[in-house]
Amino acid sequence: MTSLKFAIVGTGWVAGEYAKAVRNGPDTEIAAIVSKDAERARSRAKEWEADARIYTDYADMIGNPHIDAVILCSTADVRPEQAILAAQHGKHIVMEKPLSMDRAGLQAMKATLQQSEVRTTAGFVLRWHPAFETIKAMIEGDAIGRIFMAQIDYWNHIGPQFAQYRWSTTRALGGSSILSAGCHAVDALRLFAGEVAEVSAYGSRTWADSDYEFDPNAVAIFKLKNGGVGKVSSSLECRTPYKFNIHLLGEKGSIMNNRLYSHKFPGQTDYAEIPMPMPDNGDVAFFPFDLEIAEFAEAVRQGAATRCDFTEACRTMEVCYAIDEAIATQRSVSIPE
């Protein structure tokens, strides 16, 4: 394989960032764009400087033998169907989050993808962020020991200023505070503190005249498999600049965002600041899609797994569904093995 040929499915905000990442890759190119609106797709192709074939029907595109991989930026309600069809046609898959709006869709994807040899990656793009890589390296280097308490917050006022607002506020396409965006915090907690055993959670409204069909605010408490506890909060209607707080308390030290207190520095009297960029902007243009796509392309060529393939992302999604179930039932929910 020389140049990896991608079809980008969708023409929204995130699709544009994936397009830049593909265009910037040394051996990757945009070969097709899929949208029900052909004129919009042609406009995006021009904007993305892509000599791409335009499709208004996903099934027509997926049958093209010259397409190597798809990037699924369509709404999550159709993602399982699109991923299954891609795998059946041997197309490698980049899929945005959430992977599916419900467990049934996730299980249908799993049944097909586990029998397929296609490479996958999920759009928990913060896993490629320098701050995440640095924090993960500190944890793996025993800077803070076993994490017994982890707190991750996703706070972002997703209002009418975002194009997605018109559909992400609906239960059908936004789903919940966690499925819509807080899943990034859930994924971060799993990455840093390990697997979740049990979830309790609560949700709340913000304003009486909110356009959200679901509670835009959620707080979840976790029992971790390592014996510790965790907390994730997600707010989509908050009067605050975008915040992604990462607080990790370990047996040998602690991490507070870009600050470290560690047993490795016996003379340390206060937190030391680590010079690294933090994920402190909700604009997807600041997210490392280039690194995600570069790793995915290499995984396709080498027949390897990416750091966040479908199987890994499934574990995050199971926790997300458990949070929403716990909110709906007001009972604790165990995470399936």
Foldseek 3Di string as FASTA:
>chain_A
DFAAEEEEEDDDQVSLLLLLLQVPDPRYAHAEYEDLDQVSRVVSCVVSVHPYHYHPDLLVVLPDPNHAAYEDPDFQQCQLVSLLSNQVSNHAYEYEFPNHLDPVSLVSSCVRVVVGLHAFFYPLLCCVAPLVVVLLVCVVVVFFAQWQEKEKEWEAQPDPVGPCRVPLLECSGVVALCRNPLLNRLLSCCSNRNAFFKKAKAAADDDPPDSRPYGQWMKMKTQHPVRHIYIYIGHNRDPDQTDIWIWTHGPAWIDTRQWTDGVVDVVDDDTDGHPGDGPRHPNCSPGPSSVVVVQRVVCRVVSHHDPGGSVNSVSSVQVSNQRVVNHVVVDMDTRDD
